[in-house]
Amino acid sequence: MSNPFSPLLPTLELIAREARVLPATGQAMEDMVRPDHAELIDKIRTGDDNVMDCILEKPNTKPYVKLTPLHRTQKHLFRYFLDGSARVFFLADIVEGKRRSSLHIAQIGASCIYRHDDGHVRVAGSIYRIVIMADKQQLSFGEQLEKIVNSAGGRFTFHDTMQKDGESEQTAHNKEPRSRAPHKAHHLMTELEKELGKNLKRKPGEWLVFDGSLSKDFFDWKDVPDFLGVTKSFNKEPLFKLPGARGGKTVGLYELLADLNFSHRTCAFSAQSGKKLVWYVRIHEQRNLEYPLMGVLKVELPNYSTEAVYSSVIDEISSALVAERQVTPHGKDNRWHAHLYAVYLAEQAVKNGFISTEALKSGIRWPLIPALTAAPK
């Protein structure tokens, strides 16, 4: 098998020629996002909506609504399920005098699953990129490095870890460049998710489920109908003003979800000045779980009109989500209690398209192996 990373050898040669390389013990070393990236992103996207005091549905005025599961045999609402994944590896530190930049390589991708009426699934589309990341401003040959990587062809591309995008610099605020790279890779992954989701050829009424919260970019998708975001790990800080006697009461997320029964939803709250609806659905019984927040999905629905949405629409979406509780990826993912199985399959689909960690570590090594860098005869 040929080295799948051989197009990057000119990049490695340039770096070794122009600067001193302090490698990661001769091979790539995986860098993980800690703490949970999805929760950090949801916190950023919540923005100033830490107090949700506006109910944006009609005619319901109750804090909690009982649901009857809506199975796909009754109405097949959700057809497409989209998720992404990112694997980030630290390759080396590049040193030029007093300047230093960490060098990373990331595999990012997004896949979408389509589900047929009989429950069979197929991959509806996938996108992959291999990204070389470094702090370009810390390298005298940064522009040249970017040009060589981008000319490698195929799925290879370069990205500056210090480039601002509105999210990754907040999730990795005040962190040194090496810590920023995993966050940057996950942001680039969400860009692939949006690219794939926007270009799907869907029929009217075939809903698309995104794994994760919806960024502001989705508010401009007025020509893309019938989609929503579901979040397993979400911001724990918002407060909610619940309707009730004497003006209701304000509760924290823990109290809100502690009183949320199985197969119930909360009322739908206004977020981002009404451009997005937010509510929570319990898809698994709390008595079988270890923690009150387990078994709950956060649901986000774009609302371009900013007007109140009919409760019947929210009920239908929520009822279909409760029916998605079976089958579960129990034993295969520690987030099974809030994971939709079809989303889990999309996640597995994208990961199966990655080049293996073993191949990556063998294909990119410091120092450069003469047999790999020698010109072909």
Foldseek 3Di string as FASTA:
>chain_A
DDQPCLLCVVLLVVLVVQFDWAWPVFFWAWDDAPPDLQAQQQVLQLPPQLEFEAFFAPDDQAFKDFAAADEVVNPNQAFKEKEKDKIKIWTTWTDDPPFIKTKMKMKIKMWMWGADSVGDIDTQDMDIAIEIEIQLVRGPCSVVSQVSQVVSDDRTGYDYLPDDDSRLCSSQPPHPSVNSVNSVRVVVNVVNRVVVLLPGDDDPSHAYEYEGQDHPVVLPVPVRDHYKYKYLHHHQRGWYAHDDPPRGDIDGPQVSQLPHAANMKGGWTAGPLLQKTWIKHQLDGPVVDDGSSFRMIIMIDGDNVSHRHYVVVVSNVRSNLSNQLPPFPPPNDPNRSRDRVSNVVRHVVNVVPDDDPVSNRVSDTPPDDCVSPDDDD
